[in-house]
């Protein structure tokens, strides 16, 4: 299914965002954005979109980056939480400030595998595929970091919920990362 490409001046990352590519026209870098059911272009760079989306959801990019550092100790190519309420996480493929950086939202990844030596083919939940210039080892590392960030953040929220039960309504369960202990407990109770 070919999606119509829509040009938009403003774009906020949302739970449907799958991947944001940098595109170049001469010396100008703009963004090509793929959502589950839509395809957009924006005159802003991918990094600018990530920063404004962090702001939209109540924090600066630097604040989100500091949060990642605090929770999992990662400072180089850190995954970040764009919106904790909708569990919108993202990771960069290279240094975030690079004009080559692609931003990937792993909650939509169905499958991925190596293509040649330094490329990875990603299949998203809507069956769209994208080949990116990133080794499978690096891609796996970014997936693992993002899962760790999700797990650590979820643990903090569960700790808050157990200390303050009335907060449960504000932090519903999330589904990004597997939580083995919870799954084992679930199967043990059957």
Protein backbone atom coordinates (compact mmCIF):
# COMPACT_ATOMS: atom_id res chain seq x y z
CA UNK A 1 0.00 0.00 0.00
CA UNK A 2 1.50 3.31 -1.09
CA UNK A 3 0.78 6.11 1.33
CA UNK A 4 0.23 9.63 0.13
CA UNK A 5 3.05 11.88 1.26
CA UNK A 6 1.73 14.89 3.18
CA UNK A 7 3.84 17.99 3.69
CA UNK A 8 3.42 19.52 7.12
CA UNK A 9 5.01 22.54 8.72
CA UNK A 10 4.59 21.26 12.26
CA UNK A 11 4.85 17.68 13.43
CA UNK A 12 4.71 16.20 16.90
CA UNK A 13 5.88 12.68 17.51
CA UNK A 14 2.94 10.54 18.60
CA UNK A 15 2.16 6.88 19.38
CA UNK A 16 1.81 6.17 15.63
CA UNK A 17 5.29 7.44 14.66
CA UNK A 18 7.51 4.57 13.43
CA UNK A 19 10.63 6.16 11.95
CA UNK A 20 11.99 9.59 11.01
CA UNK A 21 14.57 9.88 8.22
CA UNK A 22 16.78 12.84 7.37
CA UNK A 23 16.44 13.88 3.73
CA UNK A 24 18.63 16.36 1.89
CA UNK A 25 17.89 18.85 -0.83
CA UNK A 26 21.15 20.62 -1.60
CA UNK A 27 22.41 21.88 1.75
CA UNK A 28 18.94 21.77 3.36
CA UNK A 29 18.08 18.86 5.67
CA UNK A 30 14.42 18.08 6.25
CA UNK A 31 12.48 15.13 7.66
CA UNK A 32 10.59 12.25 6.15
CA UNK A 33 8.26 10.75 8.74
CA UNK A 34 6.51 7.40 8.57
CA UNK A 35 3.58 6.62 10.82
CA UNK A 36 1.60 3.40 10.91
CA UNK A 37 -0.97 4.79 8.42
CA UNK A 38 0.59 8.04 7.17
CA UNK A 39 3.69 9.50 5.53
CA UNK A 40 4.78 13.10 6.08
CA UNK A 41 7.59 15.47 5.24
CA UNK A 42 8.58 18.37 7.45
CA UNK A 43 10.90 21.29 6.78
CA UNK A 44 12.51 20.67 10.18
CA UNK A 45 15.42 18.29 10.75
CA UNK A 46 14.71 15.02 12.56
CA UNK A 47 16.62 16.26 15.63
CA UNK A 48 14.53 19.45 15.69
CA UNK A 49 11.36 17.33 15.58
CA UNK A 50 12.59 15.17 18.45
CA UNK A 51 13.45 18.26 20.51
CA UNK A 52 10.11 20.00 19.88
CA UNK A 53 8.25 16.77 20.63
CA UNK A 54 10.04 16.46 23.98
CA UNK A 55 8.99 20.04 24.71
CA UNK A 56 5.41 19.27 23.65
CA UNK A 57 5.30 16.46 26.22
CA UNK A 58 6.66 18.62 29.04
CA UNK A 59 10.44 18.26 29.01
CA UNK A 60 13.45 19.38 27.05
CA UNK A 61 15.51 16.94 24.99
CA UNK A 62 18.37 17.58 27.43
CA UNK A 63 16.07 16.68 30.32
CA UNK A 64 15.03 13.43 28.63
CA UNK A 65 18.68 12.66 27.88
CA UNK A 66 19.59 13.28 31.55
CA UNK A 67 16.75 10.96 32.57
CA UNK A 68 18.22 8.21 30.39
CA UNK A 69 21.65 8.79 31.90
CA UNK A 70 20.20 8.58 35.42
CA UNK A 71 18.15 5.44 34.76
CA UNK A 72 20.55 3.34 32.64
CA UNK A 73 23.86 5.24 32.52
CA UNK A 74 23.88 5.70 28.73
CA UNK A 75 25.23 8.96 27.32
CA UNK A 76 26.33 7.98 23.78
CA UNK A 77 23.42 7.68 21.31
CA UNK A 78 20.93 7.53 24.20
CA UNK A 79 17.41 6.26 23.72
CA UNK A 80 14.88 8.63 25.21
CA UNK A 81 11.32 8.64 26.45
CA UNK A 82 9.39 11.14 24.33
CA UNK A 83 6.12 10.61 26.22
CA UNK A 84 5.96 8.38 29.29
CA UNK A 85 2.15 8.31 29.35
CA UNK A 86 1.87 6.65 25.93
CA UNK A 87 5.18 4.75 26.26
CA UNK A 88 6.65 6.53 23.24
CA UNK A 89 10.35 5.68 23.17
CA UNK A 90 12.88 6.46 20.44
CA UNK A 91 16.52 5.77 19.68
CA UNK A 92 19.01 7.36 17.26
CA UNK A 93 21.08 5.38 14.76
CA UNK A 94 24.12 7.68 15.06
CA UNK A 95 24.96 10.79 17.10
CA UNK A 96 21.66 12.69 17.46
CA UNK A 97 23.14 15.93 16.11
CA UNK A 98 24.38 14.23 12.92
CA UNK A 99 22.52 15.07 9.73
CA UNK A 100 22.63 11.31 8.99
CA UNK A 101 20.72 10.33 12.15
CA UNK A 102 17.57 8.25 11.74
CA UNK A 103 15.19 8.07 14.72
CA UNK A 104 13.48 4.72 15.31
CA UNK A 105 10.44 4.03 17.50
CA UNK A 106 10.90 0.39 18.56
CA UNK A 107 7.36 -0.17 19.82
CA UNK A 108 6.34 -0.64 16.16
CA UNK A 109 9.10 -3.06 15.13
CA UNK A 110 7.85 -6.50 14.16
CA UNK A 111 11.14 -7.98 12.94
CA UNK A 112 14.64 -7.05 11.80
CA UNK A 113 17.70 -8.77 10.38
CA UNK A 114 21.07 -8.09 8.81
CA UNK A 115 21.41 -7.24 5.14
CA UNK A 116 25.04 -7.54 4.15
CA UNK A 117 27.76 -6.33 6.48
CA UNK A 118 26.55 -2.97 7.81
CA UNK A 119 22.86 -2.77 7.01
CA UNK A 120 19.73 -3.79 8.87
CA UNK A 121 16.31 -4.40 7.36
CA UNK A 122 13.47 -3.41 9.69
CA UNK A 123 9.91 -4.66 9.28
CA UNK A 124 7.33 -2.62 11.15
CA UNK A 125 3.95 -3.77 12.48
CA UNK A 126 2.20 -2.45 9.35
CA UNK A 127 4.57 -4.62 7.23
CA UNK A 128 6.50 -1.66 5.80
CA UNK A 129 10.21 -2.36 5.51
CA UNK A 130 13.16 0.01 5.62
CA UNK A 131 16.83 -0.72 5.10
CA UNK A 132 19.10 1.39 7.29
CA UNK A 133 22.85 1.90 7.31
CA UNK A 134 23.52 0.33 10.71
CA UNK A 135 25.05 -3.01 11.62
CA UNK A 136 22.86 -5.62 13.24
CA UNK A 137 25.11 -5.56 16.35
CA UNK A 138 24.62 -1.79 16.76
CA UNK A 139 20.90 -2.12 16.11
CA UNK A 140 20.60 -4.89 18.72
CA UNK A 141 22.51 -2.70 21.18
CA UNK A 142 20.08 0.21 20.66
CA UNK A 143 17.08 -2.12 21.03
CA UNK A 144 18.56 -3.50 24.28
CA UNK A 145 19.24 -0.01 25.65
CA UNK A 146 15.71 1.11 24.85
CA UNK A 147 14.24 -2.00 26.49
CA UNK A 148 16.40 -1.40 29.56
CA UNK A 149 15.23 2.21 29.73
CA UNK A 150 11.62 1.06 29.50
CA UNK A 151 12.14 -1.58 32.17
CA UNK A 152 13.88 0.81 34.60
CA UNK A 153 11.25 3.51 34.08
CA UNK A 154 8.45 0.95 34.56
CA UNK A 155 10.09 -0.27 37.78
CA UNK A 156 10.19 3.30 39.10
CA UNK A 157 6.51 3.77 38.24
CA UNK A 158 5.53 0.47 39.90
CA UNK A 159 7.50 1.49 42.99
CA UNK A 160 5.61 4.80 43.06
CA UNK A 161 2.31 3.00 42.58
CA UNK A 162 2.99 0.62 45.46
CA UNK A 163 4.00 3.51 47.72
CA UNK A 164 1.06 5.66 46.60
CA UNK A 165 -1.79 3.35 45.46
CA UNK A 166 -4.05 6.25 44.52
CA UNK A 167 -1.63 7.04 41.66
CA UNK A 168 -2.42 3.80 39.79
CA UNK A 169 -4.97 5.56 37.63
CA UNK A 170 -2.28 7.95 36.32
CA UNK A 171 0.22 5.29 35.23
CA UNK A 172 -1.51 2.46 33.37
CA UNK A 173 0.49 -0.69 32.55
CA UNK A 174 2.78 -0.40 29.53
CA UNK A 175 3.65 -2.93 26.86
CA UNK A 176 6.97 -1.97 25.22
CA UNK A 177 9.49 -4.22 26.95
CA UNK A 178 9.05 -7.79 28.10
CA UNK A 179 9.10 -8.16 31.83
CA UNK A 180 10.15 -11.78 32.51
CA UNK A 181 9.30 -11.77 36.22
CA UNK A 182 5.75 -10.62 35.52
CA UNK A 183 5.36 -13.19 32.73
CA UNK A 184 6.68 -15.99 34.94
CA UNK A 185 4.35 -14.98 37.76
CA UNK A 186 1.45 -14.92 35.29
CA UNK A 187 2.18 -18.46 34.05
CA UNK A 188 2.78 -19.76 37.59
CA UNK A 189 -0.67 -18.60 38.65
CA UNK A 190 -2.41 -20.63 35.89
